[in-house]
Amino acid sequence: MMSRKQAGLVAMGATLMVLAAACTDVKKTGGQAGGGGANVAQCGSDPISIAVNAWVGAEANAAVAKAVMQEQLGCTVELVKIDEFPQFPALAQGDLDATLEVWPSVHPKEYKQYIQNQRGVVDGGELGVVGNIGWFMPSYVLDENPEFATWEGLKGNEAIFATAETGDQGQFLGSDPNFGFYDEEIIENLELDFKVVYSGSESASLAALDKAYKAGEPMLMYFWSPHWAQDKYDLVEVELPPFDDACAKALENEDANGYACDYADDVLYKAFSDKLETNDPAAFQFLSNMQWTAEEQNAVALDLEEGMSPDEAGKAWADANKDVWEKWLPAAA
């Protein structure tokens, strides 16, 4: 989801093309056990491996894909927990078949290296969700300090966010250190007196947010949308300098040292091993067709947060949303 200095960053603004329909060599089936009937192409016998990155939206995508693919296409689907950066070489090597939520602001380097240069990975088309990474605080902090609506208002007031860990500096709460992020560069280049403290994971950030929220304490954090917590905690985003050509150029050159902008909005996309279309045309076609909304993703993510297993949450959504997923089904030849 997000981007690091050493990882390379944003190639913004391009609308990602949905891949053309896959293959015509799919056999027609007459309602196999677990299959979708005579008009739906069926998977082959080999398992389909789908990445699950370390945030709940990615888990929701994979849970729904698995539920529908197994029930309607007769697939065997394996969900593979993997960080967002190493998933690209895994796809290129054929060790992983698909990832369903790539944030382009994090992976311009990987997009160019693996997809544009045709090194083992193909663009799987848009997921249907537009993501946004930014600096967020609970609304009560802004209510008490209206100047915090922009980064200029934070300047000189950073100590309000100080913790025992940061001393006289304000704390900026980062998330999983394996995510992508520009926050250290933004802070340095805007000359803000914050120390970035990494929570370690999405769940740890949410626990810290919940604790601060209940106590009414100031908090400034790296976060994103879509996410169910945006509604539960009434979060507001700080206005950073808008993403501009200078920041885009810095990221194209894989050098975030001059980065002093907001994160750009992300049209989330899918990526597949280039072997998937040949190995399993039905799975390739289904995943290429898969698109849903932020609201639909959030509904599954909230079920996961409230204790459903991925299998339970995926099946519950699939049972209630046939009108959505039946458009994803590949027709048998």
Protein backbone atom coordinates (compact mmCIF):
# COMPACT_ATOMS: atom_id res chain seq x y z
CA MET A 1 0.00 0.00 0.00
CA MET A 2 2.25 2.96 0.36
CA SER A 3 5.82 3.99 -0.32
CA ARG A 4 9.38 4.11 1.07
CA LYS A 5 12.51 6.03 0.12
CA GLN A 6 14.38 2.86 -0.75
CA ALA A 7 11.40 1.32 -2.52
CA GLY A 8 10.82 3.99 -5.18
CA LEU A 9 7.46 5.66 -5.74
CA VAL A 10 4.69 7.33 -7.64
CA ALA A 11 3.86 7.24 -11.28
CA MET A 12 0.53 8.98 -10.99
CA GLY A 13 -2.39 9.82 -13.10
CA ALA A 14 -2.58 6.96 -15.56
CA THR A 15 -5.83 5.07 -15.67
CA LEU A 16 -4.92 1.43 -15.69
CA MET A 17 -6.25 -0.63 -18.56
CA VAL A 18 -8.40 -3.63 -17.83
CA LEU A 19 -6.90 -6.69 -19.42
CA ALA A 20 -8.58 -8.18 -22.41
CA ALA A 21 -10.60 -11.31 -21.91
CA ALA A 22 -8.62 -14.48 -21.56
CA CYS A 23 -8.46 -17.46 -23.84
CA THR A 24 -11.00 -19.46 -25.69
CA ASP A 25 -9.66 -22.92 -24.86
CA VAL A 26 -11.82 -23.32 -21.76
CA LYS A 27 -13.95 -26.40 -21.67
CA LYS A 28 -17.67 -26.18 -21.09
CA THR A 29 -18.83 -27.98 -17.97
CA GLY A 30 -22.22 -29.30 -17.00
CA GLY A 31 -22.37 -28.33 -13.37
CA GLN A 32 -19.42 -29.95 -11.64
CA ALA A 33 -19.48 -30.24 -7.87
CA GLY A 34 -18.73 -26.76 -6.66
CA GLY A 35 -18.92 -25.40 -10.17
CA GLY A 36 -21.12 -22.70 -11.64
CA GLY A 37 -23.00 -24.68 -14.25
CA ALA A 38 -22.92 -25.28 -17.99
CA ASN A 39 -22.35 -21.66 -19.01
CA VAL A 40 -19.43 -20.91 -16.69
CA ALA A 41 -15.83 -21.80 -17.49
CA GLN A 42 -14.14 -23.96 -14.90
CA CYS A 43 -10.68 -23.86 -13.34
CA GLY A 44 -8.04 -26.46 -13.92
CA SER A 45 -6.78 -28.85 -11.28
CA ASP A 46 -3.81 -26.79 -10.07
CA PRO A 47 -4.35 -24.46 -7.08
CA ILE A 48 -4.59 -20.71 -7.73
CA SER A 49 -2.48 -18.70 -5.29
CA ILE A 50 -3.68 -15.19 -4.39
CA ALA A 51 -1.65 -12.69 -2.35
CA VAL A 52 -2.97 -11.34 0.93
CA ASN A 53 -1.10 -8.17 1.87
CA ALA A 54 -0.95 -6.84 5.42
CA TRP A 55 -4.06 -4.65 5.43
CA VAL A 56 -7.69 -5.57 5.78
CA GLY A 57 -8.81 -4.36 2.34
CA ALA A 58 -6.43 -6.79 0.67
CA GLU A 59 -7.73 -9.57 2.90
CA ALA A 60 -11.31 -8.69 1.93
CA ASN A 61 -10.51 -8.82 -1.80
CA ALA A 62 -8.90 -12.23 -1.53
CA ALA A 63 -11.64 -13.67 0.70
CA VAL A 64 -14.36 -12.77 -1.80
CA ALA A 65 -12.37 -13.96 -4.81
CA LYS A 66 -11.75 -17.30 -3.11
CA ALA A 67 -15.38 -17.76 -2.11
CA VAL A 68 -16.76 -17.15 -5.60
CA MET A 69 -14.01 -18.96 -7.50
CA GLN A 70 -14.34 -22.11 -5.43
CA GLU A 71 -18.13 -22.19 -5.52
CA GLN A 72 -18.73 -21.11 -9.11
CA LEU A 73 -15.58 -22.11 -11.01
CA GLY A 74 -14.57 -25.22 -9.08
CA CYS A 75 -11.16 -23.71 -8.31
CA THR A 76 -8.83 -24.62 -5.50
CA VAL A 77 -7.66 -21.28 -4.12
CA GLU A 78 -4.76 -20.76 -1.75
CA LEU A 79 -4.39 -17.43 0.06
CA VAL A 80 -0.75 -16.47 0.59
CA LYS A 81 0.27 -13.88 3.18
CA ILE A 82 3.03 -11.79 1.63
CA ASP A 83 4.26 -8.20 1.87
CA GLU A 84 3.54 -5.89 -1.04
CA PHE A 85 7.13 -5.48 -2.27
CA PRO A 86 8.25 -9.16 -2.45
CA GLN A 87 5.01 -10.15 -4.17
CA PHE A 88 6.31 -8.81 -7.48
CA PRO A 89 9.28 -11.19 -7.84
CA ALA A 90 7.00 -13.99 -6.60
CA LEU A 91 4.56 -13.22 -9.41
CA ALA A 92 7.37 -12.98 -11.96
CA GLN A 93 8.72 -16.38 -10.94
CA GLY A 94 5.29 -18.00 -11.06
CA ASP A 95 5.33 -18.75 -7.33
CA LEU A 96 2.25 -16.54 -6.93
CA ASP A 97 -0.63 -16.23 -9.41
CA ALA A 98 -2.31 -12.94 -8.50
CA THR A 99 -2.41 -9.93 -6.23
CA LEU A 100 -5.66 -8.00 -6.14
CA GLU A 101 -4.78 -4.57 -4.72
CA VAL A 102 -1.70 -2.71 -5.88
CA TRP A 103 -1.29 0.96 -4.92
CA PRO A 104 0.42 2.67 -7.89
CA SER A 105 1.82 5.46 -5.69
CA VAL A 106 3.91 2.81 -4.01
CA HIS A 107 5.00 0.74 -6.95
CA PRO A 108 6.02 2.81 -9.99
CA LYS A 109 9.39 1.08 -9.97
CA GLU A 110 7.79 -2.38 -9.91
CA TYR A 111 5.23 -1.44 -12.56
CA LYS A 112 7.99 -0.36 -14.92
CA GLN A 113 10.35 -3.22 -14.06
CA TYR A 114 7.91 -6.12 -14.15
CA ILE A 115 4.87 -5.01 -16.17
CA GLN A 116 6.00 -2.43 -18.69
CA ASN A 117 9.21 -4.36 -19.38
CA GLN A 118 7.24 -7.63 -19.62
CA ARG A 119 9.27 -9.45 -17.01
CA GLY A 120 6.82 -12.02 -15.78
CA VAL A 121 3.93 -9.86 -14.55
CA VAL A 122 0.86 -8.46 -16.32
CA ASP A 123 -1.51 -5.65 -15.40
CA GLY A 124 -4.76 -7.24 -14.22
CA GLY A 125 -6.97 -4.18 -14.61
CA GLU A 126 -8.59 -1.85 -12.13
CA LEU A 127 -10.03 -3.18 -8.89
CA GLY A 128 -12.74 -0.52 -8.90
CA VAL A 129 -11.54 1.21 -5.73
CA VAL A 130 -9.73 4.56 -5.53
CA GLY A 131 -7.41 4.76 -2.53
CA ASN A 132 -6.01 7.71 -0.65
CA ILE A 133 -3.07 7.79 1.77
CA GLY A 134 -2.56 10.78 4.00
CA TRP A 135 -2.05 12.30 7.44
CA PHE A 136 -5.11 11.84 9.62
CA MET A 137 -6.26 12.92 13.08
CA PRO A 138 -9.48 12.45 15.05
CA SER A 139 -11.98 15.21 14.34
CA TYR A 140 -11.98 16.32 17.98
CA VAL A 141 -8.34 17.39 17.61
CA LEU A 142 -9.24 19.63 14.70
CA ASP A 143 -12.30 20.97 16.54
CA GLU A 144 -10.03 22.15 19.36
CA ASN A 145 -7.29 23.36 16.99
CA PRO A 146 -8.82 24.54 13.70
CA GLU A 147 -5.38 25.61 12.44
CA PHE A 148 -4.40 21.94 12.24
CA ALA A 149 -6.45 21.64 9.06
CA THR A 150 -3.23 22.33 7.13
CA TRP A 151 0.42 21.47 7.60
CA GLU A 152 1.22 25.16 8.15
CA GLY A 153 -0.99 25.09 11.23
CA LEU A 154 0.93 22.12 12.60
CA LYS A 155 4.24 23.95 12.29
CA GLY A 156 5.31 25.29 15.67
CA ASN A 157 2.62 23.26 17.44
CA GLU A 158 4.13 19.81 17.04
CA ALA A 159 4.71 19.40 20.79
CA ILE A 160 0.96 18.98 21.29
CA PHE A 161 1.44 15.50 19.81
CA ALA A 162 4.48 14.65 22.00
CA THR A 163 4.63 11.33 23.83
CA ALA A 164 7.02 9.78 26.32
CA GLU A 165 8.76 8.14 23.34
CA THR A 166 9.32 11.37 21.43
CA GLY A 167 10.23 13.79 24.23
CA ASP A 168 9.90 17.40 23.10
CA GLN A 169 9.09 16.41 19.54
CA GLY A 170 5.62 15.64 18.31
CA GLN A 171 4.83 12.03 17.50
CA PHE A 172 3.76 11.07 14.01
CA LEU A 173 2.44 7.51 14.11
CA GLY A 174 3.52 5.43 11.14
CA SER A 175 2.14 1.96 10.45
CA ASP A 176 3.76 -1.25 9.25
CA PRO A 177 7.41 -0.51 8.35
CA ASN A 178 6.98 -2.86 5.36
CA PHE A 179 4.38 -0.52 3.86
CA GLY A 180 5.44 2.26 1.56
CA PHE A 181 5.51 5.79 2.93
CA TYR A 182 6.99 9.25 2.37
CA ASP A 183 6.35 10.65 5.83
CA GLU A 184 9.95 11.03 6.95
CA GLU A 185 10.77 12.93 3.76
CA ILE A 186 7.65 15.12 4.03
CA ILE A 187 8.44 15.99 7.63
CA GLU A 188 12.07 16.81 6.86
CA ASN A 189 11.35 18.82 3.74
CA LEU A 190 8.54 20.83 5.34
CA GLU A 191 10.79 21.39 8.39
CA LEU A 192 8.27 19.99 10.85
CA ASP A 193 9.38 18.87 14.30
CA PHE A 194 7.88 15.39 14.30
CA LYS A 195 9.45 12.04 15.08
CA VAL A 196 8.01 9.10 13.17
CA VAL A 197 7.19 6.16 15.42
CA TYR A 198 6.10 2.97 13.65
CA SER A 199 3.26 1.04 15.23
CA GLY A 200 4.35 -2.16 13.47
CA SER A 201 1.06 -3.10 11.79
CA GLU A 202 -2.38 -1.94 10.74
CA SER A 203 -3.90 -3.57 13.83
CA ALA A 204 -1.40 -1.87 16.14
CA SER A 205 -2.19 1.52 14.58
CA LEU A 206 -5.89 0.87 15.11
CA ALA A 207 -5.29 -0.11 18.73
CA ALA A 208 -3.35 3.11 19.30
CA LEU A 209 -6.10 5.11 17.61
CA ASP A 210 -8.79 3.47 19.71
CA LYS A 211 -6.88 4.21 22.91
CA ALA A 212 -6.30 7.86 21.99
CA TYR A 213 -9.88 8.29 20.81
CA LYS A 214 -11.37 6.99 24.06
CA ALA A 215 -9.10 9.27 26.07
CA GLY A 216 -9.61 12.29 23.83
CA GLU A 217 -5.86 12.60 23.31
CA PRO A 218 -4.15 14.33 20.35
CA MET A 219 -2.98 11.99 17.62
CA LEU A 220 -1.54 12.37 14.12
CA MET A 221 -1.08 9.26 12.01
CA TYR A 222 -0.43 7.73 8.62
CA PHE A 223 -3.69 6.20 7.44
CA TRP A 224 -5.72 5.64 4.32
CA SER A 225 -9.11 5.23 2.75
CA PRO A 226 -11.14 3.27 2.00
CA HIS A 227 -11.17 1.83 5.51
CA TRP A 228 -14.04 1.06 7.88
CA ALA A 229 -12.23 2.93 10.68
CA GLN A 230 -12.69 6.22 8.83
CA ASP A 231 -16.37 6.17 9.81
CA LYS A 232 -16.03 4.59 13.24
CA TYR A 233 -13.51 7.15 14.46
CA ASP A 234 -14.51 10.23 12.44
CA LEU A 235 -11.05 10.98 11.10
CA VAL A 236 -10.05 14.09 9.18
CA GLU A 237 -7.15 14.52 6.79
CA VAL A 238 -4.52 17.24 7.15
CA GLU A 239 -4.00 19.29 4.01
CA LEU A 240 -0.45 18.82 2.77
CA PRO A 241 1.04 20.62 -0.25
CA PRO A 242 -0.68 19.21 -3.34
CA PHE A 243 1.06 16.56 -5.39
CA ASP A 244 2.81 18.35 -8.24
CA ASP A 245 5.22 17.81 -11.12
CA ALA A 246 8.25 18.31 -8.89
CA CYS A 247 7.18 15.51 -6.58
CA ALA A 248 6.26 13.30 -9.52
CA LYS A 249 9.70 13.87 -11.02
CA ALA A 250 11.41 13.05 -7.72
CA LEU A 251 9.57 9.76 -7.57
CA GLU A 252 10.14 8.90 -11.20
CA ASN A 253 13.84 9.31 -10.47
CA GLU A 254 13.44 7.04 -7.43
CA ASP A 255 14.62 9.83 -5.16
CA ALA A 256 12.19 11.00 -2.49
CA ASN A 257 14.68 13.35 -0.84
CA GLY A 258 12.90 16.33 -2.36
CA TYR A 259 9.41 15.00 -1.74
CA ALA A 260 7.25 17.57 0.08
CA CYS A 261 3.74 16.79 -1.19
CA ASP A 262 0.58 15.02 -0.26
CA TYR A 263 0.12 11.44 -1.40
CA ALA A 264 -1.65 11.30 -4.74
CA ASP A 265 -4.91 9.41 -5.13
CA ASP A 266 -4.47 5.82 -6.27
CA VAL A 267 -6.54 3.96 -8.84
CA LEU A 268 -5.96 0.50 -7.35
CA TYR A 269 -5.15 -2.29 -9.78
CA LYS A 270 -4.55 -6.03 -9.90
CA ALA A 271 -1.45 -7.83 -11.14
CA PHE A 272 -1.01 -11.43 -12.29
CA SER A 273 1.78 -13.79 -13.16
CA ASP A 274 2.12 -13.86 -16.92
CA LYS A 275 1.77 -17.64 -16.65
CA LEU A 276 -1.76 -17.51 -15.25
CA GLU A 277 -3.59 -16.89 -18.54
CA THR A 278 -2.06 -20.02 -20.09
CA ASN A 279 -2.15 -22.17 -16.97
CA ASP A 280 -5.74 -21.39 -16.00
CA PRO A 281 -7.76 -19.28 -18.45
CA ALA A 282 -10.91 -19.39 -16.32
CA ALA A 283 -9.16 -18.06 -13.23
CA PHE A 284 -7.40 -15.41 -15.30
CA GLN A 285 -10.68 -14.27 -16.85
CA PHE A 286 -12.51 -14.17 -13.52
CA LEU A 287 -9.83 -12.14 -11.76
CA SER A 288 -9.54 -9.80 -14.74
CA ASN A 289 -13.30 -9.20 -14.56
CA MET A 290 -13.38 -8.70 -10.79
CA GLN A 291 -14.31 -5.15 -9.85
CA TRP A 292 -16.15 -3.82 -6.81
CA THR A 293 -16.65 -0.65 -4.84
CA ALA A 294 -15.01 0.78 -1.75
CA GLU A 295 -18.31 0.34 0.11
CA GLU A 296 -18.45 -3.34 -0.81
CA GLN A 297 -14.85 -3.86 0.26
CA ASN A 298 -15.44 -2.05 3.55
CA ALA A 299 -18.44 -4.25 4.35
CA VAL A 300 -16.29 -7.39 4.13
CA ALA A 301 -13.40 -5.71 5.95
CA LEU A 302 -15.69 -4.83 8.85
CA ASP A 303 -16.90 -8.43 9.07
CA LEU A 304 -13.27 -9.52 9.29
CA GLU A 305 -12.56 -6.92 11.97
CA GLU A 306 -15.55 -8.13 13.98
CA GLY A 307 -14.24 -11.68 14.08
CA MET A 308 -15.41 -13.52 10.98
CA SER A 309 -12.85 -15.77 9.36
CA PRO A 310 -11.90 -14.91 5.76
CA ASP A 311 -13.84 -17.95 4.52
CA GLU A 312 -16.94 -16.92 6.49
CA ALA A 313 -16.76 -13.28 5.43
CA GLY A 314 -16.17 -14.12 1.78
CA LYS A 315 -19.06 -16.58 1.66
CA ALA A 316 -21.44 -14.23 3.50
CA TRP A 317 -20.76 -11.44 1.01
CA ALA A 318 -21.01 -13.79 -1.98
CA ASP A 319 -24.33 -15.19 -0.74
CA ALA A 320 -25.78 -11.67 -0.50
CA ASN A 321 -24.31 -10.17 -3.70
CA LYS A 322 -24.89 -12.51 -6.62
CA ASP A 323 -25.83 -9.53 -8.79
CA VAL A 324 -22.29 -8.19 -8.38
CA TRP A 325 -20.12 -11.25 -8.77
CA GLU A 326 -22.06 -12.98 -11.54
CA LYS A 327 -20.71 -10.25 -13.85
CA TRP A 328 -17.21 -11.52 -13.08
CA LEU A 329 -17.86 -15.10 -14.18
CA PRO A 330 -16.05 -16.28 -17.32
CA ALA A 331 -18.28 -17.78 -19.97
CA ALA A 332 -17.47 -21.26 -21.13
CA ALA A 333 -16.31 -21.57 -24.73
